[in-house]
Structure formats: C-alpha cells, structure tokens
Amino acid sequence: MKIVGIILSVIAYIFGVLFIWGAFGDPFDSSSLIIGIIMIGIGSAIMLIITRKGKAEKASKNVTYNIDLGGETKATKLTCEKCGAPLGKNDITIVAGAPTISCPYCGVTYQITEEPKW
C-alpha cells in the first residue's frame, strides 16, 4: 500500500510541475497554474498520509518478557515492605529492564530482587 501511495504521489507531482510549467507559456493560462498547484497539493497530502501512517505503526509495539525461574517456585502473597499493605499484579512494572513494585497506599517504590536459595 505504501508503494502505491508513493507512485501516486510522484505522478501527482509530475503532472503538477507540467501544468505549472505550461501555464507560463504564451499566453499565460491561470487555470493551468491553479490545476498544477492543486496537483502538487494532492501529492504532498498523499506523502503526508503515508509518512504519518508509518510512524503510527512503528509506535505501537508490544514487548513480552519471559522469565526463566530456576528451581522450585512457590507463589506467595506480596506485601509492602514499608506499610505491610497487600500488593497485586497491577502494582508490578518493568523499569529499565528490572521488575519494580509500587505501593498504592504509601507510595514507596522498590526493585524486586530474588534471594539466593542456599
């Protein structure tokens, strides 16, 4: 779809330039000048739409982190280290590649660390 848009835009530019060039012949033709300006505007609009659509597609990206847990794991209830409030899965975020947890009650934020098993 992007290639078709580029081709249409180039065709509109070419015809726009030809109409503007033809307008300055003898005698001067103002209608050709207007048509040429409109064609260049259409070509520019097509290019603008194509470039914005490409940026929007690149902006939305989903990242999935897979964590390989070594050994036997048990699910435990998460509680805040400062105030003891219960924490849920929505309170955990990834910041700079490290899992962090934020307490919605007292506002403290800290990084989750794994204690050695030995």
PDB file of N, CA and C in Angstrom:
ATOM      1  N   MET A   1       0.823  -1.193   0.000  1.00  0.00           N
ATOM      2  CA  MET A   1       0.000   0.000   0.000  1.00  0.00           C
ATOM      3  C   MET A   1       0.871   1.262   0.000  1.00  0.00           C
ATOM      4  N   LYS A   2       2.008   1.186   0.692  1.00  0.00           N
ATOM      5  CA  LYS A   2       2.904   2.323   0.765  1.00  0.00           C
ATOM      6  C   LYS A   2       3.506   2.626  -0.609  1.00  0.00           C
ATOM      7  N   ILE A   3       3.845   1.589  -1.357  1.00  0.00           N
ATOM      8  CA  ILE A   3       4.440   1.772  -2.688  1.00  0.00           C
ATOM      9  C   ILE A   3       3.428   2.412  -3.634  1.00  0.00           C
ATOM     10  N   VAL A   4       2.177   1.980  -3.561  1.00  0.00           N
ATOM     11  CA  VAL A   4       1.129   2.570  -4.411  1.00  0.00           C
ATOM     12  C   VAL A   4       0.964   4.053  -4.088  1.00  0.00           C
ATOM     13  N   GLY A   5       0.991   4.394  -2.815  1.00  0.00           N
ATOM     14  CA  GLY A   5       0.876   5.793  -2.416  1.00  0.00           C
ATOM     15  C   GLY A   5       2.034   6.631  -2.923  1.00  0.00           C
ATOM     16  N   ILE A   6       3.247   6.070  -2.864  1.00  0.00           N
ATOM     17  CA  ILE A   6       4.414   6.799  -3.362  1.00  0.00           C
ATOM     18  C   ILE A   6       4.305   7.014  -4.864  1.00  0.00           C
ATOM     19  N   ILE A   7       3.877   5.987  -5.595  1.00  0.00           N
ATOM     20  CA  ILE A   7       3.717   6.119  -7.054  1.00  0.00           C
ATOM     21  C   ILE A   7       2.679   7.183  -7.391  1.00  0.00           C
ATOM     22  N   LEU A   8       1.538   7.165  -6.707  1.00  0.00           N
ATOM     23  CA  LEU A   8       0.500   8.173  -6.953  1.00  0.00           C
ATOM     24  C   LEU A   8       0.989   9.573  -6.614  1.00  0.00           C
ATOM     25  N   SER A   9       1.751   9.687  -5.553  1.00  0.00           N
ATOM     26  CA  SER A   9       2.278  10.984  -5.160  1.00  0.00           C
ATOM     27  C   SER A   9       3.255  11.524  -6.201  1.00  0.00           C
ATOM     28  N   VAL A  10       4.133  10.668  -6.714  1.00  0.00           N
ATOM     29  CA  VAL A  10       5.096  11.090  -7.737  1.00  0.00           C
ATOM     30  C   VAL A  10       4.377  11.502  -9.015  1.00  0.00           C
ATOM     31  N   ILE A  11       3.364  10.754  -9.410  1.00  0.00           N
ATOM     32  CA  ILE A  11       2.586  11.107 -10.607  1.00  0.00           C
ATOM     33  C   ILE A  11       1.917  12.463 -10.417  1.00  0.00           C
ATOM     34  N   ALA A  12       1.354  12.695  -9.239  1.00  0.00           N
ATOM     35  CA  ALA A  12       0.711  13.989  -8.973  1.00  0.00           C
ATOM     36  C   ALA A  12       1.731  15.125  -9.019  1.00  0.00           C
ATOM     37  N   TYR A  13       2.935  14.894  -8.472  1.00  0.00           N
ATOM     38  CA  TYR A  13       3.990  15.908  -8.536  1.00  0.00           C
ATOM     39  C   TYR A  13       4.378  16.218  -9.992  1.00  0.00           C
ATOM     40  N   ILE A  14       4.567  15.161 -10.786  1.00  0.00           N
ATOM     41  CA  ILE A  14       4.982  15.351 -12.183  1.00  0.00           C
ATOM     42  C   ILE A  14       3.937  16.152 -12.956  1.00  0.00           C
ATOM     43  N   PHE A  15       2.678  15.750 -12.837  1.00  0.00           N
ATOM     44  CA  PHE A  15       1.622  16.488 -13.547  1.00  0.00           C
ATOM     45  C   PHE A  15       1.485  17.911 -13.014  1.00  0.00           C
ATOM     46  N   GLY A  16       1.672  18.086 -11.725  1.00  0.00           N
ATOM     47  CA  GLY A  16       1.613  19.424 -11.153  1.00  0.00           C
ATOM     48  C   GLY A  16       2.682  20.334 -11.725  1.00  0.00           C
ATOM     49  N   VAL A  17       3.906  19.821 -11.799  1.00  0.00           N
ATOM     50  CA  VAL A  17       5.001  20.615 -12.376  1.00  0.00           C
ATOM     51  C   VAL A  17       4.738  20.903 -13.850  1.00  0.00           C
ATOM     52  N   LEU A  18       4.251  19.905 -14.593  1.00  0.00           N
ATOM     53  CA  LEU A  18       3.962  20.120 -16.020  1.00  0.00           C
ATOM     54  C   LEU A  18       2.871  21.176 -16.228  1.00  0.00           C
ATOM     55  N   PHE A  19       1.829  21.137 -15.408  1.00  0.00           N
ATOM     56  CA  PHE A  19       0.759  22.138 -15.534  1.00  0.00           C
ATOM     57  C   PHE A  19       1.267  23.538 -15.185  1.00  0.00           C
ATOM     58  N   ILE A  20       2.089  23.635 -14.146  1.00  0.00           N
ATOM     59  CA  ILE A  20       2.629  24.951 -13.776  1.00  0.00           C
ATOM     60  C   ILE A  20       3.560  25.461 -14.868  1.00  0.00           C
ATOM     61  N   TRP A  21       4.377  24.583 -15.398  1.00  0.00           N
ATOM     62  CA  TRP A  21       5.297  24.959 -16.474  1.00  0.00           C
ATOM     63  C   TRP A  21       4.521  25.403 -17.712  1.00  0.00           C
ATOM     64  N   GLY A  22       3.459  24.672 -18.027  1.00  0.00           N
ATOM     65  CA  GLY A  22       2.633  25.022 -19.187  1.00  0.00           C
ATOM     66  C   GLY A  22       1.854  26.312 -18.992  1.00  0.00           C
ATOM     67  N   ALA A  23       1.585  26.696 -17.773  1.00  0.00           N
ATOM     68  CA  ALA A  23       0.816  27.913 -17.513  1.00  0.00           C
ATOM     69  C   ALA A  23       1.590  29.162 -17.908  1.00  0.00           C
ATOM     70  N   PHE A  24       2.922  29.106 -17.882  1.00  0.00           N
ATOM     71  CA  PHE A  24       3.729  30.276 -18.174  1.00  0.00           C
ATOM     72  C   PHE A  24       4.100  30.378 -19.651  1.00  0.00           C
ATOM     73  N   GLY A  25       3.365  29.679 -20.506  1.00  0.00           N
ATOM     74  CA  GLY A  25       3.570  29.803 -21.953  1.00  0.00           C
ATOM     75  C   GLY A  25       2.922  31.078 -22.471  1.00  0.00           C
ATOM     76  N   ASP A  26       2.916  31.204 -23.783  1.00  0.00           N
ATOM     77  CA  ASP A  26       2.317  32.387 -24.394  1.00  0.00           C
ATOM     78  C   ASP A  26       0.980  31.996 -24.972  1.00  0.00           C
ATOM     79  N   PRO A  27      -0.127  32.440 -24.555  1.00  0.00           N
ATOM     80  CA  PRO A  27      -0.445  33.376 -23.482  1.00  0.00           C
ATOM     81  C   PRO A  27      -0.476  32.674 -22.123  1.00  0.00           C
ATOM     82  N   PHE A  28      -0.384  33.466 -21.045  1.00  0.00           N
ATOM     83  CA  PHE A  28      -0.421  32.955 -19.675  1.00  0.00           C
ATOM     84  C   PHE A  28      -1.781  32.326 -19.403  1.00  0.00           C
ATOM     85  N   ASP A  29      -1.782  31.115 -18.811  1.00  0.00           N
ATOM     86  CA  ASP A  29      -3.026  30.385 -18.535  1.00  0.00           C
ATOM     87  C   ASP A  29      -3.142  30.177 -17.023  1.00  0.00           C
ATOM     88  N   SER A  30      -3.983  30.972 -16.381  1.00  0.00           N
ATOM     89  CA  SER A  30      -4.120  30.895 -14.919  1.00  0.00           C
ATOM     90  C   SER A  30      -4.796  29.603 -14.470  1.00  0.00           C
ATOM     91  N   SER A  31      -5.665  29.018 -15.291  1.00  0.00           N
ATOM     92  CA  SER A  31      -6.335  27.772 -14.893  1.00  0.00           C
ATOM     93  C   SER A  31      -5.333  26.620 -14.818  1.00  0.00           C
ATOM     94  N   SER A  32      -4.344  26.600 -15.720  1.00  0.00           N
ATOM     95  CA  SER A  32      -3.309  25.558 -15.650  1.00  0.00           C
ATOM     96  C   SER A  32      -2.451  25.735 -14.399  1.00  0.00           C
ATOM     97  N   LEU A  33      -2.195  26.981 -14.026  1.00  0.00           N
ATOM     98  CA  LEU A  33      -1.429  27.243 -12.809  1.00  0.00           C
ATOM     99  C   LEU A  33      -2.170  26.731 -11.583  1.00  0.00           C
ATOM    100  N   ILE A  34      -3.467  26.975 -11.521  1.00  0.00           N
ATOM    101  CA  ILE A  34      -4.280  26.516 -10.385  1.00  0.00           C
ATOM    102  C   ILE A  34      -4.317  24.994 -10.341  1.00  0.00           C
ATOM    103  N   ILE A  35      -4.502  24.352 -11.489  1.00  0.00           N
ATOM    104  CA  ILE A  35      -4.535  22.883 -11.536  1.00  0.00           C
ATOM    105  C   ILE A  35      -3.186  22.307 -11.099  1.00  0.00           C
ATOM    106  N   GLY A  36      -2.080  22.938 -11.527  1.00  0.00           N
ATOM    107  CA  GLY A  36      -0.753  22.478 -11.135  1.00  0.00           C
ATOM    108  C   GLY A  36      -0.534  22.581  -9.633  1.00  0.00           C
ATOM    109  N   ILE A  37      -0.971  23.674  -9.035  1.00  0.00           N
ATOM    110  CA  ILE A  37      -0.834  23.848  -7.590  1.00  0.00           C
ATOM    111  C   ILE A  37      -1.678  22.817  -6.846  1.00  0.00           C
ATOM    112  N   ILE A  38      -2.877  22.557  -7.355  1.00  0.00           N
ATOM    113  CA  ILE A  38      -3.747  21.549  -6.729  1.00  0.00           C
ATOM    114  C   ILE A  38      -3.112  20.162  -6.819  1.00  0.00           C
ATOM    115  N   MET A  39      -2.504  19.837  -7.973  1.00  0.00           N
ATOM    116  CA  MET A  39      -1.872  18.522  -8.140  1.00  0.00           C
ATOM    117  C   MET A  39      -0.682  18.358  -7.182  1.00  0.00           C
ATOM    118  N   ILE A  40       0.113  19.396  -7.023  1.00  0.00           N
ATOM    119  CA  ILE A  40       1.232  19.319  -6.083  1.00  0.00           C
ATOM    120  C   ILE A  40       0.708  19.197  -4.656  1.00  0.00           C
ATOM    121  N   GLY A  41      -0.385  19.869  -4.348  1.00  0.00           N
ATOM    122  CA  GLY A  41      -1.001  19.736  -3.024  1.00  0.00           C
ATOM    123  C   GLY A  41      -1.501  18.324  -2.773  1.00  0.00           C
ATOM    124  N   ILE A  42      -2.089  17.699  -3.784  1.00  0.00           N
ATOM    125  CA  ILE A  42      -2.571  16.320  -3.649  1.00  0.00           C
ATOM    126  C   ILE A  42      -1.391  15.370  -3.426  1.00  0.00           C
ATOM    127  N   GLY A  43      -0.311  15.574  -4.183  1.00  0.00           N
ATOM    128  CA  GLY A  43       0.881  14.742  -3.998  1.00  0.00           C
ATOM    129  C   GLY A  43       1.468  14.889  -2.602  1.00  0.00           C
ATOM    130  N   SER A  44       1.496  16.116  -2.113  1.00  0.00           N
ATOM    131  CA  SER A  44       2.015  16.355  -0.766  1.00  0.00           C
ATOM    132  C   SER A  44       1.121  15.722   0.294  1.00  0.00           C
ATOM    133  N   ALA A  45      -0.190  15.809   0.102  1.00  0.00           N
ATOM    134  CA  ALA A  45      -1.125  15.210   1.057  1.00  0.00           C
ATOM    135  C   ALA A  45      -0.963  13.693   1.111  1.00  0.00           C
ATOM    136  N   ILE A  46      -0.788  13.071  -0.049  1.00  0.00           N
ATOM    137  CA  ILE A  46      -0.590  11.614  -0.080  1.00  0.00           C
ATOM    138  C   ILE A  46       0.689  11.240   0.656  1.00  0.00           C
ATOM    139  N   MET A  47       1.772  11.988   0.413  1.00  0.00           N
ATOM    140  CA  MET A  47       3.040  11.694   1.100  1.00  0.00           C
ATOM    141  C   MET A  47       2.913  11.888   2.611  1.00  0.00           C
ATOM    142  N   LEU A  48       2.187  12.916   3.027  1.00  0.00           N
ATOM    143  CA  LEU A  48       1.989  13.171   4.444  1.00  0.00           C
ATOM    144  C   LEU A  48       1.224  12.032   5.109  1.00  0.00           C
ATOM    145  N   ILE A  49       0.192  11.553   4.448  1.00  0.00           N
ATOM    146  CA  ILE A  49      -0.602  10.443   4.987  1.00  0.00           C
ATOM    147  C   ILE A  49       0.243   9.185   5.100  1.00  0.00           C
ATOM    148  N   ILE A  50       1.063   8.920   4.090  1.00  0.00           N
ATOM    149  CA  ILE A  50       1.901   7.723   4.098  1.00  0.00           C
ATOM    150  C   ILE A  50       2.917   7.777   5.241  1.00  0.00           C
ATOM    151  N   THR A  51       3.567   8.923   5.419  1.00  0.00           N
ATOM    152  CA  THR A  51       4.591   9.013   6.465  1.00  0.00           C
ATOM    153  C   THR A  51       3.985   8.960   7.861  1.00  0.00           C
ATOM    154  N   ARG A  52       2.845   9.561   8.077  1.00  0.00           N
ATOM    155  CA  ARG A  52       2.210   9.506   9.408  1.00  0.00           C
ATOM    156  C   ARG A  52       1.713   8.115   9.733  1.00  0.00           C
ATOM    157  N   LYS A  53       1.191   7.411   8.742  1.00  0.00           N
ATOM    158  CA  LYS A  53       0.710   6.048   8.979  1.00  0.00           C
ATOM    159  C   LYS A  53       1.874   5.137   9.348  1.00  0.00           C
ATOM    160  N   GLY A  54       3.025   5.315   8.719  1.00  0.00           N
ATOM    161  CA  GLY A  54       4.204   4.509   9.031  1.00  0.00           C
ATOM    162  C   GLY A  54       4.701   4.758  10.441  1.00  0.00           C
ATOM    163  N   LYS A  55       4.673   6.011  10.899  1.00  0.00           N
ATOM    164  CA  LYS A  55       5.116   6.331  12.250  1.00  0.00           C
ATOM    165  C   LYS A  55       4.168   5.747  13.283  1.00  0.00           C
ATOM    166  N   ALA A  56       2.871   5.774  12.996  1.00  0.00           N
ATOM    167  CA  ALA A  56       1.892   5.231  13.939  1.00  0.00           C
ATOM    168  C   ALA A  56       2.052   3.721  14.070  1.00  0.00           C
ATOM    169  N   GLU A  57       2.361   3.035  12.973  1.00  0.00           N
ATOM    170  CA  GLU A  57       2.549   1.589  13.034  1.00  0.00           C
ATOM    171  C   GLU A  57       3.799   1.231  13.815  1.00  0.00           C
ATOM    172  N   LYS A  58       4.855   2.027  13.693  1.00  0.00           N
ATOM    173  CA  LYS A  58       6.092   1.757  14.405  1.00  0.00           C
ATOM    174  C   LYS A  58       5.962   2.060  15.894  1.00  0.00           C
ATOM    175  N   ALA A  59       5.110   3.002  16.256  1.00  0.00           N
ATOM    176  CA  ALA A  59       4.993   3.423  17.649  1.00  0.00           C
ATOM    177  C   ALA A  59       4.351   2.358  18.531  1.00  0.00           C
ATOM    178  N   SER A  60       3.410   1.597  18.002  1.00  0.00           N
ATOM    179  CA  SER A  60       2.727   0.607  18.829  1.00  0.00           C
ATOM    180  C   SER A  60       3.447  -0.731  18.723  1.00  0.00           C
ATOM    181  N   LYS A  61       4.130  -1.089  19.808  1.00  0.00           N
ATOM    182  CA  LYS A  61       4.885  -2.330  19.855  1.00  0.00           C
ATOM    183  C   LYS A  61       4.651  -2.985  21.204  1.00  0.00           C
ATOM    184  N   ASN A  62       4.342  -4.262  21.199  1.00  0.00           N
ATOM    185  CA  ASN A  62       4.161  -4.997  22.446  1.00  0.00           C
ATOM    186  C   ASN A  62       5.436  -5.758  22.760  1.00  0.00           C
ATOM    187  N   VAL A  63       5.885  -5.654  23.990  1.00  0.00           N
ATOM    188  CA  VAL A  63       7.076  -6.349  24.433  1.00  0.00           C
ATOM    189  C   VAL A  63       6.670  -7.367  25.493  1.00  0.00           C
ATOM    190  N   THR A  64       7.101  -8.603  25.309  1.00  0.00           N
ATOM    191  CA  THR A  64       6.795  -9.664  26.262  1.00  0.00           C
ATOM    192  C   THR A  64       8.088 -10.140  26.894  1.00  0.00           C
ATOM    193  N   TYR A  65       8.124 -10.165  28.212  1.00  0.00           N
ATOM    194  CA  TYR A  65       9.277 -10.663  28.954  1.00  0.00           C
ATOM    195  C   TYR A  65       8.970 -12.069  29.444  1.00  0.00           C
ATOM    196  N   ASN A  66       9.844 -12.992  29.107  1.00  0.00           N
ATOM    197  CA  ASN A  66       9.734 -14.354  29.619  1.00  0.00           C
ATOM    198  C   ASN A  66      10.784 -14.520  30.701  1.00  0.00           C
ATOM    199  N   ILE A  67      10.360 -14.960  31.871  1.00  0.00           N
ATOM    200  CA  ILE A  67      11.273 -15.123  32.996  1.00  0.00           C
ATOM    201  C   ILE A  67      11.448 -16.608  33.255  1.00  0.00           C
ATOM    202  N   ASP A  68      12.695 -17.046  33.235  1.00  0.00           N
ATOM    203  CA  ASP A  68      13.005 -18.438  33.493  1.00  0.00           C
ATOM    204  C   ASP A  68      13.373 -18.570  34.967  1.00  0.00           C
ATOM    205  N   LEU A  69      12.515 -19.200  35.720  1.00  0.00           N
ATOM    206  CA  LEU A  69      12.742 -19.360  37.156  1.00  0.00           C
ATOM    207  C   LEU A  69      13.467 -20.679  37.400  1.00  0.00           C
ATOM    208  N   GLY A  70      14.614 -20.586  38.032  1.00  0.00           N
ATOM    209  CA  GLY A  70      15.386 -21.787  38.328  1.00  0.00           C
ATOM    210  C   GLY A  70      14.898 -22.445  39.604  1.00  0.00           C
ATOM    211  N   GLY A  71      14.821 -23.732  39.582  1.00  0.00           N
ATOM    212  CA  GLY A  71      14.420 -24.462  40.788  1.00  0.00           C
ATOM    213  C   GLY A  71      12.927 -24.437  41.024  1.00  0.00           C
ATOM    214  N   GLU A  72      12.565 -24.836  42.233  1.00  0.00           N
ATOM    215  CA  GLU A  72      11.157 -24.901  42.602  1.00  0.00           C
ATOM    216  C   GLU A  72      10.683 -23.518  43.053  1.00  0.00           C
ATOM    217  N   THR A  73       9.520 -23.117  42.598  1.00  0.00           N
ATOM    218  CA  THR A  73       8.984 -21.802  42.970  1.00  0.00           C
ATOM    219  C   THR A  73       7.632 -21.964  43.640  1.00  0.00           C
ATOM    220  N   LYS A  74       7.347 -21.067  44.542  1.00  0.00           N
ATOM    221  CA  LYS A  74       6.063 -21.045  45.226  1.00  0.00           C
ATOM    222  C   LYS A  74       5.476 -19.642  45.099  1.00  0.00           C
ATOM    223  N   ALA A  75       4.187 -19.578  44.930  1.00  0.00           N
ATOM    224  CA  ALA A  75       3.513 -18.284  44.872  1.00  0.00           C
ATOM    225  C   ALA A  75       3.236 -17.811  46.292  1.00  0.00           C
ATOM    226  N   THR A  76       3.659 -16.607  46.577  1.00  0.00           N
ATOM    227  CA  THR A  76       3.409 -16.029  47.894  1.00  0.00           C
ATOM    228  C   THR A  76       2.667 -14.712  47.721  1.00  0.00           C
ATOM    229  N   LYS A  77       2.009 -14.286  48.784  1.00  0.00           N
ATOM    230  CA  LYS A  77       1.314 -13.010  48.739  1.00  0.00           C
ATOM    231  C   LYS A  77       2.335 -11.893  48.868  1.00  0.00           C
ATOM    232  N   LEU A  78       2.181 -10.898  48.027  1.00  0.00           N
ATOM    233  CA  LEU A  78       3.076  -9.751  48.086  1.00  0.00           C
ATOM    234  C   LEU A  78       2.534  -8.724  49.058  1.00  0.00           C
ATOM    235  N   THR A  79       3.408  -8.244  49.920  1.00  0.00           N
ATOM    236  CA  THR A  79       3.038  -7.172  50.836  1.00  0.00           C
ATOM    237  C   THR A  79       4.108  -6.099  50.779  1.00  0.00           C
ATOM    238  N   CYS A  80       3.713  -4.877  51.051  1.00  0.00           N
ATOM    239  CA  CYS A  80       4.634  -3.750  51.046  1.00  0.00           C
ATOM    240  C   CYS A  80       5.622  -3.885  52.196  1.00  0.00           C
ATOM    241  N   GLU A  81       6.897  -3.624  51.894  1.00  0.00           N
ATOM    242  CA  GLU A  81       7.924  -3.731  52.929  1.00  0.00           C
ATOM    243  C   GLU A  81       7.814  -2.605  53.954  1.00  0.00           C
ATOM    244  N   LYS A  82       7.225  -1.484  53.554  1.00  0.00           N
ATOM    245  CA  LYS A  82       7.155  -0.333  54.450  1.00  0.00           C
ATOM    246  C   LYS A  82       5.890  -0.347  55.316  1.00  0.00           C
ATOM    247  N   CYS A  83       4.710  -0.493  54.657  1.00  0.00           N
ATOM    248  CA  CYS A  83       3.463  -0.382  55.424  1.00  0.00           C
ATOM    249  C   CYS A  83       2.732  -1.710  55.596  1.00  0.00           C
ATOM    250  N   GLY A  84       3.146  -2.783  54.902  1.00  0.00           N
ATOM    251  CA  GLY A  84       2.523  -4.089  55.049  1.00  0.00           C
ATOM    252  C   GLY A  84       1.231  -4.265  54.277  1.00  0.00           C
ATOM    253  N   ALA A  85       0.879  -3.324  53.392  1.00  0.00           N
ATOM    254  CA  ALA A  85      -0.361  -3.414  52.617  1.00  0.00           C
ATOM    255  C   ALA A  85      -0.245  -4.518  51.560  1.00  0.00           C
ATOM    256  N   PRO A  86      -1.368  -5.176  51.229  1.00  0.00           N
ATOM    257  CA  PRO A  86      -1.315  -6.211  50.194  1.00  0.00           C
ATOM    258  C   PRO A  86      -1.105  -5.580  48.811  1.00  0.00           C
ATOM    259  N   LEU A  87      -0.291  -6.230  47.986  1.00  0.00           N
ATOM    260  CA  LEU A  87       0.014  -5.743  46.643  1.00  0.00           C
ATOM    261  C   LEU A  87      -0.452  -6.765  45.620  1.00  0.00           C
ATOM    262  N   GLY A  88      -0.890  -6.283  44.468  1.00  0.00           N
ATOM    263  CA  GLY A  88      -1.374  -7.157  43.410  1.00  0.00           C
ATOM    264  C   GLY A  88      -0.493  -7.103  42.179  1.00  0.00           C
ATOM    265  N   LYS A  89      -0.892  -7.850  41.165  1.00  0.00           N
ATOM    266  CA  LYS A  89      -0.086  -7.920  39.945  1.00  0.00           C
ATOM    267  C   LYS A  89      -0.081  -6.592  39.180  1.00  0.00           C
ATOM    268  N   ASN A  90      -1.085  -5.754  39.384  1.00  0.00           N
ATOM    269  CA  ASN A  90      -1.129  -4.455  38.702  1.00  0.00           C
ATOM    270  C   ASN A  90      -0.135  -3.455  39.295  1.00  0.00           C
ATOM    271  N   ASP A  91       0.417  -3.763  40.451  1.00  0.00           N
ATOM    272  CA  ASP A  91       1.382  -2.870  41.099  1.00  0.00           C
ATOM    273  C   ASP A  91       2.812  -3.129  40.634  1.00  0.00           C
ATOM    274  N   ILE A  92       3.022  -4.194  39.845  1.00  0.00           N
ATOM    275  CA  ILE A  92       4.358  -4.545  39.365  1.00  0.00           C
ATOM    276  C   ILE A  92       4.539  -3.980  37.959  1.00  0.00           C
ATOM    277  N   THR A  93       5.664  -3.284  37.724  1.00  0.00           N
ATOM    278  CA  THR A  93       6.008  -2.752  36.410  1.00  0.00           C
ATOM    279  C   THR A  93       7.473  -3.062  36.116  1.00  0.00           C
ATOM    280  N   ILE A  94       7.845  -2.952  34.845  1.00  0.00           N
ATOM    281  CA  ILE A  94       9.230  -3.139  34.427  1.00  0.00           C
ATOM    282  C   ILE A  94       9.817  -1.759  34.168  1.00  0.00           C
ATOM    283  N   VAL A  95      10.852  -1.380  34.904  1.00  0.00           N
ATOM    284  CA  VAL A  95      11.526  -0.100  34.741  1.00  0.00           C
ATOM    285  C   VAL A  95      12.989  -0.384  34.438  1.00  0.00           C
ATOM    286  N   ALA A  96      13.453   0.068  33.290  1.00  0.00           N
ATOM    287  CA  ALA A  96      14.848  -0.131  32.855  1.00  0.00           C
ATOM    288  C   ALA A  96      15.234  -1.609  32.885  1.00  0.00           C
ATOM    289  N   GLY A  97      14.308  -2.491  32.531  1.00  0.00           N
ATOM    290  CA  GLY A  97      14.584  -3.918  32.455  1.00  0.00           C
ATOM    291  C   GLY A  97      14.508  -4.670  33.760  1.00  0.00           C
ATOM    292  N   ALA A  98      14.211  -3.985  34.854  1.00  0.00           N
ATOM    293  CA  ALA A  98      14.135  -4.638  36.159  1.00  0.00           C
ATOM    294  C   ALA A  98      12.708  -4.552  36.696  1.00  0.00           C
ATOM    295  N   PRO A  99      12.206  -5.631  37.289  1.00  0.00           N
ATOM    296  CA  PRO A  99      10.865  -5.572  37.864  1.00  0.00           C
ATOM    297  C   PRO A  99      10.841  -4.706  39.121  1.00  0.00           C
ATOM    298  N   THR A 100       9.921  -3.747  39.139  1.00  0.00           N
ATOM    299  CA  THR A 100       9.756  -2.884  40.306  1.00  0.00           C
ATOM    300  C   THR A 100       8.317  -2.959  40.768  1.00  0.00           C
ATOM    301  N   ILE A 101       8.122  -2.648  42.030  1.00  0.00           N
ATOM    302  CA  ILE A 101       6.781  -2.687  42.606  1.00  0.00           C
ATOM    303  C   ILE A 101       6.511  -1.360  43.296  1.00  0.00           C
ATOM    304  N   SER A 102       5.286  -0.850  43.134  1.00  0.00           N
ATOM    305  CA  SER A 102       4.884   0.414  43.746  1.00  0.00           C
ATOM    306  C   SER A 102       3.685   0.177  44.636  1.00  0.00           C
ATOM    307  N   CYS A 103       3.757   0.663  45.849  1.00  0.00           N
ATOM    308  CA  CYS A 103       2.654   0.510  46.795  1.00  0.00           C
ATOM    309  C   CYS A 103       1.638   1.625  46.546  1.00  0.00           C
ATOM    310  N   PRO A 104       0.377   1.283  46.281  1.00  0.00           N
ATOM    311  CA  PRO A 104      -0.630   2.319  46.047  1.00  0.00           C
ATOM    312  C   PRO A 104      -1.065   3.021  47.338  1.00  0.00           C
ATOM    313  N   TYR A 105      -0.706   2.472  48.494  1.00  0.00           N
ATOM    314  CA  TYR A 105      -1.133   3.050  49.765  1.00  0.00           C
ATOM    315  C   TYR A 105      -0.144   4.082  50.297  1.00  0.00           C
ATOM    316  N   CYS A 106       1.136   3.692  50.378  1.00  0.00           N
ATOM    317  CA  CYS A 106       2.127   4.622  50.945  1.00  0.00           C
ATOM    318  C   CYS A 106       3.005   5.270  49.875  1.00  0.00           C
ATOM    319  N   GLY A 107       2.968   4.752  48.641  1.00  0.00           N
ATOM    320  CA  GLY A 107       3.689   5.371  47.538  1.00  0.00           C
ATOM    321  C   GLY A 107       5.137   4.959  47.394  1.00  0.00           C
ATOM    322  N   VAL A 108       5.634   4.038  48.208  1.00  0.00           N
ATOM    323  CA  VAL A 108       7.031   3.617  48.113  1.00  0.00           C
ATOM    324  C   VAL A 108       7.207   2.737  46.871  1.00  0.00           C
ATOM    325  N   THR A 109       8.370   2.877  46.218  1.00  0.00           N
ATOM    326  CA  THR A 109       8.696   2.078  45.044  1.00  0.00           C
ATOM    327  C   THR A 109      10.049   1.424  45.280  1.00  0.00           C
ATOM    328  N   TYR A 110      10.141   0.119  45.014  1.00  0.00           N
ATOM    329  CA  TYR A 110      11.405  -0.569  45.173  1.00  0.00           C
ATOM    330  C   TYR A 110      11.504  -1.685  44.147  1.00  0.00           C
ATOM    331  N   GLN A 111      12.731  -2.119  43.924  1.00  0.00           N
ATOM    332  CA  GLN A 111      13.004  -3.157  42.936  1.00  0.00           C
ATOM    333  C   GLN A 111      12.844  -4.526  43.564  1.00  0.00           C
ATOM    334  N   ILE A 112      12.245  -5.452  42.830  1.00  0.00           N
ATOM    335  CA  ILE A 112      12.068  -6.819  43.316  1.00  0.00           C
ATOM    336  C   ILE A 112      13.371  -7.572  43.072  1.00  0.00           C
ATOM    337  N   THR A 113      13.889  -8.190  44.103  1.00  0.00           N
ATOM    338  CA  THR A 113      15.125  -8.969  44.000  1.00  0.00           C
ATOM    339  C   THR A 113      14.857 -10.401  44.431  1.00  0.00           C
ATOM    340  N   GLU A 114      15.627 -11.310  43.844  1.00  0.00           N
ATOM    341  CA  GLU A 114      15.481 -12.722  44.197  1.00  0.00           C
ATOM    342  C   GLU A 114      16.582 -13.085  45.183  1.00  0.00           C
ATOM    343  N   GLU A 115      16.183 -13.616  46.301  1.00  0.00           N
ATOM    344  CA  GLU A 115      17.147 -14.025  47.328  1.00  0.00           C
ATOM    345  C   GLU A 115      17.755 -15.370  46.933  1.00  0.00           C
ATOM    346  N   PRO A 116      19.014 -15.587  47.246  1.00  0.00           N
ATOM    347  CA  PRO A 116      19.636 -16.885  46.944  1.00  0.00           C
ATOM    348  C   PRO A 116      18.925 -18.020  47.676  1.00  0.00           C
ATOM    349  N   LYS A 117      18.922 -19.192  47.070  1.00  0.00           N
ATOM    350  CA  LYS A 117      18.204 -20.339  47.620  1.00  0.00           C
ATOM    351  C   LYS A 117      19.044 -21.164  48.613  1.00  0.00           C
ATOM    352  N   TRP A 118      20.340 -20.908  48.739  1.00  0.00           N
ATOM    353  CA  TRP A 118      21.186 -21.742  49.618  1.00  0.00           C
ATOM    354  C   TRP A 118      21.188 -21.326  51.010  1.00  0.00           C
TER     355      TRP A 118
END
